[in-house]
Structures are given as C-alpha cells and as structure tokens.
Amino acid sequence: MTLNLRFHLAALAATALAVTATGGTALAQKQYDTGASDTEIRIGNVNPYSGPASSYGVIGKTIDAYFRKINAEGGINGRKITFISYDDGYSPPKTVEQVRKLVESDEVLFVFQPLGTPGNTAIHRYMNQKKVPQLFVATGATKWNDSQNFPWTMGWQPNYQTEGQIYAQYVMKEKPTAKIAVLYQNDDYGKDYLKGLKDGLGAKAASMIVAESSYEVSEPTVDSHIVKLRSSGADVFFNIATPKFAAQAIKKMAEIDWRPLHILNNVSASIGSVIKPAGFDNAQGIISAIYAKDVTDPEWKNDPGIKKFDEFLTKYYPEGNRIDAFVMYGYNVSQTMERVLHQVGDNLTRANIMKEAANLKNVELDGLLPGIRLNTSPTNFAPISQVQLVRLKGETWERFGPILGAQMTN
C-alpha cells in the first residue's frame, strides 16, 4: 500500500510538472501577425519626399538611417527591421493609395509615423477597420488621442490645441490689449491650432482676434495673405503654417516692414528648414514652443544625449543636416519605436504592439528637453504633453519660463 501510494504520488507530481512545463512553453511561444517572423519585422511609412511639405522628408530619411543602425547592431531581439517608406507628396489620395499598398501588398506589421494631418485623416478609418496600428503619427491633431473610438491610432508629439492655448496665455500676460492676426492652413491641422488659441483666449477671443486668413497647400505663396493681415492693424501675428509657407511669411513680413509680436507654431520651428532659409535677421524675436533639444544651443555642447545623436549622424546619416529640427524629430520618434519593440518581445502581434505602445512610463529620450518624458496608458494615446516657450536670439532658440503642459491650460 505504501509503495503503491508513493508511486501514485510520484506519478501525479510528474504529471503536474509536465503540465506546468507544457503550459509554460505555450505561454512563451513566439506569436506573429502578418509582417513579423523569427528574422524580420516589416514596418511601413509614408512621407512627403516631394510636394509642398517636402522639407519633412528628412524625417523619413532619419528613421531609415536609425533602423539601419538597429540592424547593424543585431536588430531587435535578433530580428532585422525592413523599413518600407513611400512618397505621398502630402496628398491625401496618394496617402490612401500608398498605405493600402503597404498593408495589402507589402504586408507590413504596422504603419509607423505617417506624416500630415490631411493624409492621416484620410487613412484613419481604414487602419482601424483593418486593425493595423497607425502608430506615432507625425501630426499633433488632437483627434489621434481617441483610444475609445480609434484604438489602432496613436499620436506622438504635443497636440496642437494645447500648444495654441499656451500661446494664448502668453499673449494675455504679455500683451493683454493685443490685436491678433492669424494665418492658418485650411485643414484640420490649421483649424486645430486656431481652436486652441481661441479656447485659450476664452471670452476675449472675439475682440482680440482682428483678422484670420486661411491658405491652401496648393497655393504657390502666402505673400498676399501677409499683406492682407498687415492691413488689419494687428500687433500680434500667429503663424500656423508648414515650413515652406512659414518661411515665406517671415520673409514677406520683413519685406513690407511689418513687425508684430510673431508667434510661430512648433511644426515650423526648425532652424535649418525654416529660420535659416527665411533669414536670421528677419526672424529675430519670434516666439515658439519646443520639446526637443536644439542642437544649435551651446547649452547642449557636452550633453550625453546630443553626443549620441551626433555619433549616429556621423556613422549612419552623414548627409543629414544637424541643425534641422526634423532630423532630431526623426531620431527621437525612432528611439520611441525601438523602445516599444523591445517591450513587445516575441509577441509580435498587432494587438500587442498597440498594448505596449500604450504602456510607456516616464520614458526619457536622448533628444527631449530635461523634464519632458513619454507617458501613455490605455486611455492616454498622447505620449508627449509638455513644451517650453522659446525666443529666437541670434541663430538659436533661447528657452524661457517653465515647462508647460495641458494641465496648465484648464
């Protein structure tokens, strides 16, 4: 009896161990969706390498260089990244065409950093119907932070409405009797910023904003808009424009000697792509907001993060313009994607990609300003929610005031 009992107990224990081992193996098994395998992660992207927003094309080129760096260092958990990036010319119909190709023909695991509010709007429902991540979109429109209705789409940069509110607070403090003129792109991007400005001004918006002029991206120049806005008598100008048009506005204002307090949206705060082409003398005193380190600022000369950025450029993207803020942008967002892929591990399903993208906790990046960290959750799809005001002085941005965020605009 005793021997039999011992035998049965041993057998039961062995069976339990076998079940546990089998269960553990099942849990640890690699899981893949289309676009992932033991050796590869296929990532899709669209960027305006041509057209009216072509200055943003360096973002795609920087991302490509960063993924080459990752591959040269052994990949992510042994898997190499295949990065497929197409030109959509900042044209929504072309964005739709190229993204469908990425998803249905190239069979990418997800689409990363598609650029522009109009283009992302055009693919928004398609990506969510297909349940393919539209991840870390390169636009600050507020609607990307809607995890309940669009769980497959996530933003990355600070949203335009919050930024607009912060500028409004600055104007009310510095020029409480201001007359404000606004130039904005006639789409969701421009209207989002304008809404933020008006929300921030509150009841005073109707009296303080004396002129608004919207432009189409198909227009060759915004010169006539600037002349029209000057005639309004405004002493504050809010420049809501993409790089090409922002630079044109700065030049034209100097040409007609219109010198209001000039506020420039963050998407055109690049020294290399906007300020330098427009002329440093023409841009002195411009106010903007940034969340990334400006490599032209001597403050970061010995910064470890900037040293790593410079090493990356030297080895993997030597043709990149170091002073172009969009190169730094591409570097930072690529580091974010790298972090998510490490967190995903061997569970390379689209659902897990989104789960881990929504699980970033106080993440620091080489190129973000001190104190600004990435945070996401299942109900917060806005990784960066803070900025700092800057003023152009000489050939660089001079930071002033505290780090500001959405909580300060309520």
Protein backbone atom coordinates (compact mmCIF):
# COMPACT_ATOMS: atom_id res chain seq x y z
CA MET A 1 0.00 0.00 0.00
CA THR A 2 2.72 2.44 0.97
CA LEU A 3 4.78 1.66 -2.12
CA ASN A 4 1.73 1.99 -4.36
CA LEU A 5 0.75 5.27 -2.71
CA ARG A 6 4.25 6.63 -3.19
CA PHE A 7 4.19 5.53 -6.80
CA HIS A 8 0.85 7.27 -7.40
CA LEU A 9 2.03 10.44 -5.70
CA ALA A 10 5.21 10.45 -7.77
CA ALA A 11 3.21 9.89 -10.92
CA LEU A 12 0.83 12.72 -10.05
CA ALA A 13 3.76 15.04 -9.33
CA ALA A 14 5.39 14.12 -12.63
CA THR A 15 2.15 14.77 -14.46
CA ALA A 16 1.76 18.15 -12.75
CA LEU A 17 5.30 19.09 -13.72
CA ALA A 18 4.67 18.05 -17.30
CA VAL A 19 1.51 20.14 -17.46
CA THR A 20 3.30 23.12 -15.94
CA ALA A 21 6.18 22.75 -18.36
CA THR A 22 3.85 22.40 -21.31
CA GLY A 23 1.82 25.38 -20.15
CA GLY A 24 4.96 27.44 -19.66
CA THR A 25 6.17 26.55 -23.14
CA ALA A 26 2.82 27.54 -24.61
CA LEU A 27 2.95 30.87 -22.83
CA ALA A 28 6.49 31.52 -24.03
CA GLN A 29 5.81 30.59 -27.63
CA LYS A 30 6.53 33.24 -30.24
CA GLN A 31 3.43 34.86 -31.70
CA TYR A 32 3.38 36.61 -35.05
CA ASP A 33 0.94 38.55 -37.18
CA THR A 34 1.48 39.37 -40.83
CA GLY A 35 4.74 41.28 -41.20
CA ALA A 36 6.70 39.54 -38.44
CA SER A 37 8.79 36.38 -38.27
CA ASP A 38 11.79 34.87 -36.48
CA THR A 39 14.08 37.05 -38.58
CA GLU A 40 12.14 40.14 -39.69
CA ILE A 41 9.84 43.00 -38.65
CA ARG A 42 8.24 44.79 -41.62
CA ILE A 43 7.37 48.43 -40.91
CA GLY A 44 5.55 50.74 -43.33
CA ASN A 45 5.68 54.52 -43.66
CA VAL A 46 4.56 57.37 -45.92
CA ASN A 47 6.34 60.73 -46.08
CA PRO A 48 6.18 63.78 -48.35
CA TYR A 49 9.50 63.38 -50.12
CA SER A 50 8.07 65.69 -52.80
CA GLY A 51 5.40 68.40 -52.94
CA PRO A 52 4.59 71.42 -50.73
CA ALA A 53 5.72 69.75 -47.49
CA SER A 54 8.85 68.06 -48.84
CA SER A 55 11.04 69.59 -46.12
CA TYR A 56 9.52 66.98 -43.81
CA GLY A 57 11.03 64.23 -45.97
CA VAL A 58 14.17 64.23 -43.84
CA ILE A 59 12.11 62.64 -41.06
CA GLY A 60 11.61 59.51 -43.17
CA LYS A 61 15.27 59.50 -44.14
CA THR A 62 16.34 59.83 -40.50
CA ILE A 63 14.07 56.95 -39.46
CA ASP A 64 15.51 54.79 -42.25
CA ALA A 65 19.04 55.58 -41.03
CA TYR A 66 18.10 54.79 -37.42
CA PHE A 67 16.66 51.41 -38.39
CA ARG A 68 19.86 50.69 -40.32
CA LYS A 69 21.70 51.43 -37.08
CA ILE A 70 19.48 48.97 -35.20
CA ASN A 71 20.07 46.28 -37.84
CA ALA A 72 23.83 46.84 -37.79
CA GLU A 73 23.76 46.31 -34.02
CA GLY A 74 21.92 42.98 -34.34
CA GLY A 75 18.30 44.05 -34.70
CA ILE A 76 15.52 43.85 -32.11
CA ASN A 77 15.63 40.55 -30.23
CA GLY A 78 17.55 39.12 -33.19
CA ARG A 79 15.09 40.37 -35.82
CA LYS A 80 16.09 42.82 -38.54
CA ILE A 81 13.80 45.69 -39.48
CA THR A 82 12.62 46.04 -43.06
CA PHE A 83 11.52 49.66 -43.44
CA ILE A 84 9.34 50.42 -46.46
CA SER A 85 8.68 54.13 -46.99
CA TYR A 86 6.74 55.67 -49.87
CA ASP A 87 6.31 59.24 -51.09
CA ASP A 88 2.75 60.56 -50.83
CA GLY A 89 3.56 64.17 -51.80
CA TYR A 90 1.39 65.42 -48.89
CA SER A 91 -1.64 64.47 -50.99
CA PRO A 92 -4.40 62.56 -49.10
CA PRO A 93 -5.50 60.46 -52.14
CA LYS A 94 -1.87 59.42 -52.62
CA THR A 95 -1.58 58.65 -48.90
CA VAL A 96 -4.55 56.28 -49.19
CA GLU A 97 -3.04 54.59 -52.23
CA GLN A 98 0.39 54.13 -50.68
CA VAL A 99 -0.91 52.92 -47.31
CA ARG A 100 -3.19 50.36 -48.97
CA LYS A 101 -0.12 49.12 -50.83
CA LEU A 102 1.84 48.84 -47.58
CA VAL A 103 -0.93 46.92 -45.81
CA GLU A 104 -2.30 44.75 -48.61
CA SER A 105 0.71 44.16 -50.88
CA ASP A 106 3.82 44.70 -48.75
CA GLU A 107 2.04 43.14 -45.76
CA VAL A 108 3.70 45.29 -43.11
CA LEU A 109 3.11 44.58 -39.44
CA PHE A 110 2.14 48.21 -38.84
CA VAL A 111 2.41 51.71 -40.30
CA PHE A 112 4.72 53.99 -38.33
CA GLN A 113 4.96 57.81 -38.44
CA PRO A 114 2.76 58.55 -41.46
CA LEU A 115 3.11 62.32 -41.80
CA GLY A 116 0.49 65.03 -42.00
CA THR A 117 -2.97 65.71 -40.64
CA PRO A 118 -4.77 65.53 -44.02
CA GLY A 119 -3.18 62.22 -45.02
CA ASN A 120 -3.66 60.57 -41.64
CA THR A 121 -7.27 61.69 -41.61
CA ALA A 122 -7.75 60.02 -44.98
CA ILE A 123 -6.49 56.62 -43.71
CA HIS A 124 -7.85 56.89 -40.15
CA ARG A 125 -10.94 54.69 -40.54
CA TYR A 126 -9.24 52.27 -42.93
CA MET A 127 -6.44 51.49 -40.48
CA ASN A 128 -8.87 50.92 -37.62
CA GLN A 129 -11.19 48.77 -39.72
CA LYS A 130 -8.18 46.67 -40.78
CA LYS A 131 -6.91 46.63 -37.17
CA VAL A 132 -3.44 47.63 -38.30
CA PRO A 133 -1.56 50.04 -35.99
CA GLN A 134 -1.31 53.62 -37.29
CA LEU A 135 1.41 54.32 -34.81
CA PHE A 136 3.02 57.55 -33.56
CA VAL A 137 1.56 59.62 -36.39
CA ALA A 138 3.57 62.71 -37.37
CA THR A 139 0.86 65.26 -36.64
CA GLY A 140 -0.30 66.90 -33.44
CA ALA A 141 -4.02 66.97 -34.22
CA THR A 142 -6.00 66.31 -31.05
CA LYS A 143 -8.09 63.53 -32.59
CA TRP A 144 -5.25 60.99 -32.53
CA ASN A 145 -5.76 60.71 -28.76
CA ASP A 146 -9.07 58.83 -29.03
CA SER A 147 -8.36 55.33 -27.77
CA GLN A 148 -12.04 54.50 -27.34
CA ASN A 149 -13.18 55.13 -30.93
CA PHE A 150 -9.88 54.62 -32.76
CA PRO A 151 -7.86 52.08 -30.74
CA TRP A 152 -5.39 51.42 -33.59
CA THR A 153 -4.22 55.05 -33.97
CA MET A 154 -1.82 56.87 -31.64
CA GLY A 155 -0.16 60.28 -31.76
CA TRP A 156 3.32 61.18 -30.54
CA GLN A 157 4.02 64.92 -30.41
CA PRO A 158 2.21 67.51 -28.25
CA ASN A 159 -1.24 68.29 -29.60
CA TYR A 160 -1.93 71.49 -31.48
CA GLN A 161 -4.82 72.66 -29.31
CA THR A 162 -2.73 72.57 -26.14
CA GLU A 163 0.08 74.46 -27.88
CA GLY A 164 -2.41 77.06 -29.12
CA GLN A 165 -3.75 77.51 -25.59
CA ILE A 166 -0.24 78.05 -24.25
CA TYR A 167 0.40 80.82 -26.81
CA ALA A 168 -2.90 82.42 -25.85
CA GLN A 169 -1.87 82.51 -22.19
CA TYR A 170 1.46 84.08 -23.15
CA VAL A 171 -0.22 86.81 -25.21
CA MET A 172 -2.75 87.65 -22.49
CA LYS A 173 0.06 88.01 -19.98
CA GLU A 174 2.48 89.99 -22.17
CA LYS A 175 0.04 91.99 -24.33
CA PRO A 176 -3.40 91.95 -22.71
CA THR A 177 -4.74 94.52 -25.20
CA ALA A 178 -3.30 92.76 -28.25
CA LYS A 179 -4.84 92.76 -31.70
CA ILE A 180 -4.13 89.33 -33.17
CA ALA A 181 -3.91 88.33 -36.83
CA VAL A 182 -3.84 84.62 -37.74
CA LEU A 183 -2.55 82.83 -40.82
CA TYR A 184 -3.55 79.18 -40.91
CA GLN A 185 -3.57 76.20 -43.25
CA ASN A 186 -7.13 75.43 -44.31
CA ASP A 187 -7.41 71.89 -42.94
CA ASP A 188 -7.70 70.04 -39.63
CA TYR A 189 -4.10 70.91 -38.74
CA GLY A 190 -4.61 74.66 -39.06
CA LYS A 191 -8.09 74.65 -37.51
CA ASP A 192 -6.86 72.64 -34.50
CA TYR A 193 -4.27 75.31 -33.65
CA LEU A 194 -6.81 78.09 -34.20
CA LYS A 195 -9.30 76.38 -31.88
CA GLY A 196 -6.60 76.08 -29.20
CA LEU A 197 -5.81 79.79 -29.50
CA LYS A 198 -9.47 80.74 -29.22
CA ASP A 199 -10.07 78.37 -26.30
CA GLY A 200 -7.07 79.87 -24.52
CA LEU A 201 -8.28 83.44 -25.08
CA GLY A 202 -11.75 82.49 -23.91
CA ALA A 203 -14.32 85.28 -23.96
CA LYS A 204 -11.65 87.72 -25.23
CA ALA A 205 -11.09 85.81 -28.47
CA ALA A 206 -13.80 87.68 -30.37
CA SER A 207 -12.31 91.08 -29.58
CA MET A 208 -8.60 90.20 -29.62
CA ILE A 209 -8.52 88.31 -32.94
CA VAL A 210 -8.99 91.05 -35.55
CA ALA A 211 -8.13 89.07 -38.70
CA GLU A 212 -7.91 85.49 -39.94
CA SER A 213 -6.64 84.30 -43.31
CA SER A 214 -6.51 80.69 -44.44
CA TYR A 215 -4.35 79.34 -47.28
CA GLU A 216 -4.47 76.16 -49.34
CA VAL A 217 -1.40 73.94 -49.68
CA SER A 218 -1.81 74.19 -53.46
CA GLU A 219 -1.07 77.94 -53.36
CA PRO A 220 2.45 78.85 -54.52
CA THR A 221 2.90 81.57 -51.90
CA VAL A 222 1.22 83.18 -48.87
CA ASP A 223 2.53 86.69 -49.65
CA SER A 224 -0.92 88.13 -50.41
CA HIS A 225 -2.23 86.76 -47.10
CA ILE A 226 0.54 88.54 -45.19
CA VAL A 227 -0.21 91.86 -46.89
CA LYS A 228 -3.90 91.44 -46.08
CA LEU A 229 -3.23 90.60 -42.42
CA ARG A 230 -0.91 93.59 -42.00
CA SER A 231 -3.71 95.91 -43.07
CA SER A 232 -5.76 94.73 -40.08
CA GLY A 233 -3.57 96.77 -37.73
CA ALA A 234 -2.66 93.69 -35.69
CA ASP A 235 0.31 93.87 -33.33
CA VAL A 236 0.47 90.09 -32.77
CA PHE A 237 0.79 87.56 -35.59
CA PHE A 238 0.16 83.82 -35.13
CA ASN A 239 1.83 81.90 -37.94
CA ILE A 240 0.11 78.49 -38.29
CA ALA A 241 1.94 77.20 -41.35
CA THR A 242 4.03 74.28 -42.53
CA PRO A 243 7.74 75.02 -43.21
CA LYS A 244 7.62 76.28 -46.81
CA PHE A 245 4.82 78.75 -46.09
CA ALA A 246 6.14 79.71 -42.64
CA ALA A 247 9.45 80.76 -44.20
CA GLN A 248 7.62 82.72 -46.91
CA ALA A 249 5.62 84.57 -44.26
CA ILE A 250 8.76 85.53 -42.32
CA LYS A 251 10.41 86.85 -45.49
CA LYS A 252 7.37 88.81 -46.64
CA MET A 253 6.87 90.42 -43.23
CA ALA A 254 10.45 91.72 -43.36
CA GLU A 255 9.96 92.92 -46.93
CA ILE A 256 6.92 95.05 -46.03
CA ASP A 257 8.39 96.04 -42.65
CA TRP A 258 5.60 94.52 -40.58
CA ARG A 259 6.99 93.76 -37.14
CA PRO A 260 4.30 92.49 -34.75
CA LEU A 261 4.97 90.03 -31.94
CA HIS A 262 5.40 86.93 -34.10
CA ILE A 263 4.33 83.52 -32.77
CA LEU A 264 5.36 80.54 -34.90
CA ASN A 265 3.86 77.07 -34.41
CA ASN A 266 6.19 74.27 -33.34
CA VAL A 267 5.84 72.31 -36.58
CA SER A 268 7.85 75.04 -38.30
CA ALA A 269 10.33 75.80 -35.52
CA SER A 270 13.24 74.22 -37.40
CA ILE A 271 16.34 76.41 -37.57
CA GLY A 272 17.62 74.53 -40.62
CA SER A 273 14.40 74.19 -42.63
CA VAL A 274 12.60 77.44 -41.80
CA ILE A 275 14.58 80.09 -39.91
CA LYS A 276 17.84 79.93 -41.85
CA PRO A 277 16.15 79.94 -45.30
CA ALA A 278 13.92 82.84 -44.19
CA GLY A 279 16.93 84.77 -42.90
CA PHE A 280 18.07 85.03 -39.28
CA ASP A 281 17.81 88.84 -39.36
CA ASN A 282 14.18 88.57 -40.44
CA ALA A 283 13.27 86.16 -37.65
CA GLN A 284 14.69 87.78 -34.53
CA GLY A 285 12.35 87.72 -31.55
CA ILE A 286 9.97 85.10 -32.93
CA ILE A 287 8.24 83.12 -30.17
CA SER A 288 7.64 79.37 -30.49
CA ALA A 289 7.47 76.25 -28.33
CA ILE A 290 9.74 73.21 -28.36
CA TYR A 291 10.01 69.88 -26.57
CA ALA A 292 13.27 68.63 -28.12
CA LYS A 293 16.81 69.85 -27.56
CA ASP A 294 18.01 72.41 -30.09
CA VAL A 295 21.47 71.29 -31.20
CA THR A 296 22.40 74.89 -32.08
CA ASP A 297 22.10 75.82 -28.41
CA PRO A 298 25.56 75.87 -26.72
CA GLU A 299 23.87 74.57 -23.56
CA TRP A 300 23.88 71.05 -25.03
CA LYS A 301 27.50 71.08 -26.20
CA ASN A 302 28.56 68.37 -23.73
CA ASP A 303 25.16 66.71 -23.31
CA PRO A 304 25.43 62.87 -23.44
CA GLY A 305 22.22 62.58 -25.46
CA ILE A 306 23.40 65.05 -28.09
CA LYS A 307 26.76 63.28 -28.28
CA LYS A 308 24.93 60.04 -29.09
CA PHE A 309 22.85 61.89 -31.68
CA ASP A 310 26.00 63.26 -33.32
CA GLU A 311 27.61 59.81 -33.34
CA PHE A 312 24.50 58.43 -35.04
CA LEU A 313 24.63 61.14 -37.72
CA THR A 314 28.33 60.63 -38.36
CA LYS A 315 28.01 56.89 -38.83
CA TYR A 316 24.56 56.35 -40.33
CA TYR A 317 23.28 59.66 -41.75
CA PRO A 318 26.28 61.89 -42.55
CA GLU A 319 24.30 63.81 -45.18
CA GLY A 320 21.70 64.80 -42.56
CA ASN A 321 21.56 68.48 -41.66
CA ARG A 322 22.42 68.58 -37.95
CA ILE A 323 20.61 71.88 -37.35
CA ASP A 324 17.38 70.70 -38.97
CA ALA A 325 14.94 70.06 -36.11
CA PHE A 326 13.17 67.45 -38.24
CA VAL A 327 16.30 65.28 -38.12
CA MET A 328 16.19 65.37 -34.32
CA TYR A 329 12.45 64.65 -34.50
CA GLY A 330 13.09 61.54 -36.60
CA TYR A 331 15.78 60.41 -34.18
CA ASN A 332 13.52 60.80 -31.13
CA VAL A 333 10.50 59.07 -32.60
CA SER A 334 12.69 56.20 -33.83
CA GLN A 335 14.01 55.71 -30.30
CA THR A 336 10.39 55.57 -29.13
CA MET A 337 9.59 52.85 -31.66
CA GLU A 338 12.72 50.93 -30.64
CA ARG A 339 11.56 51.02 -27.02
CA VAL A 340 8.12 49.64 -27.91
CA LEU A 341 9.58 46.82 -29.99
CA HIS A 342 11.83 45.78 -27.12
CA GLN A 343 8.83 45.74 -24.78
CA VAL A 344 6.85 43.64 -27.28
CA GLY A 345 9.45 40.88 -27.13
CA ASP A 346 8.45 37.73 -29.04
CA ASN A 347 4.73 38.56 -29.06
CA LEU A 348 4.79 40.40 -32.37
CA THR A 349 1.07 40.71 -32.91
CA ARG A 350 -0.63 43.93 -33.91
CA ALA A 351 -2.69 43.90 -30.73
CA ASN A 352 0.42 43.58 -28.57
CA ILE A 353 2.16 46.36 -30.50
CA MET A 354 -0.67 48.70 -29.50
CA LYS A 355 -0.75 47.33 -25.96
CA GLU A 356 2.93 48.12 -25.40
CA ALA A 357 2.71 51.48 -27.19
CA ALA A 358 0.09 52.31 -24.56
CA ASN A 359 2.43 51.20 -21.78
CA LEU A 360 5.21 53.80 -21.82
CA LYS A 361 6.14 55.02 -18.36
CA ASN A 362 8.36 58.08 -17.85
CA VAL A 363 10.49 57.27 -20.89
CA GLU A 364 13.43 59.60 -21.46
CA LEU A 365 14.90 60.08 -24.93
CA ASP A 366 18.31 61.42 -25.94
CA GLY A 367 16.83 64.45 -27.66
CA LEU A 368 13.97 65.52 -25.38
CA LEU A 369 14.30 68.50 -23.06
CA PRO A 370 15.04 67.63 -19.42
CA GLY A 371 11.80 67.03 -17.55
CA ILE A 372 9.84 66.00 -20.64
CA ARG A 373 9.11 62.29 -20.70
CA LEU A 374 6.88 59.91 -22.65
CA ASN A 375 3.84 58.55 -20.87
CA THR A 376 0.94 56.55 -22.28
CA SER A 377 -1.85 54.33 -20.99
CA PRO A 378 -4.87 52.51 -22.44
CA THR A 379 -6.78 55.80 -22.13
CA ASN A 380 -3.92 58.19 -22.97
CA PHE A 381 -2.67 58.00 -26.56
CA ALA A 382 -0.70 61.28 -26.34
CA PRO A 383 2.90 60.35 -25.42
CA ILE A 384 4.25 63.93 -25.16
CA SER A 385 2.11 66.59 -23.49
CA GLN A 386 4.64 69.26 -22.48
CA VAL A 387 6.54 72.08 -24.20
CA GLN A 388 8.71 75.06 -23.30
CA LEU A 389 8.46 78.52 -24.82
CA VAL A 390 11.45 79.82 -26.79
CA ARG A 391 12.51 83.09 -28.41
CA LEU A 392 14.85 83.35 -31.38
CA LYS A 393 18.02 85.17 -30.42
CA GLY A 394 20.84 85.29 -32.91
CA GLU A 395 20.92 81.91 -34.62
CA THR A 396 19.37 79.78 -31.91
CA TRP A 397 16.28 79.39 -29.75
CA GLU A 398 16.56 80.79 -26.23
CA ARG A 399 14.33 78.93 -23.76
CA PHE A 400 12.40 80.85 -21.12
CA GLY A 401 9.80 80.12 -18.47
CA PRO A 402 8.80 76.74 -17.02
CA ILE A 403 7.86 73.50 -18.77
CA LEU A 404 4.21 73.90 -19.72
CA GLY A 405 1.57 71.24 -20.30
CA ALA A 406 -2.10 70.62 -20.82
CA GLN A 407 -2.78 70.74 -17.09
CA MET A 408 -1.80 74.41 -17.10
CA THR A 409 -4.34 75.34 -19.77
CA ASN A 410 -7.50 74.26 -17.96
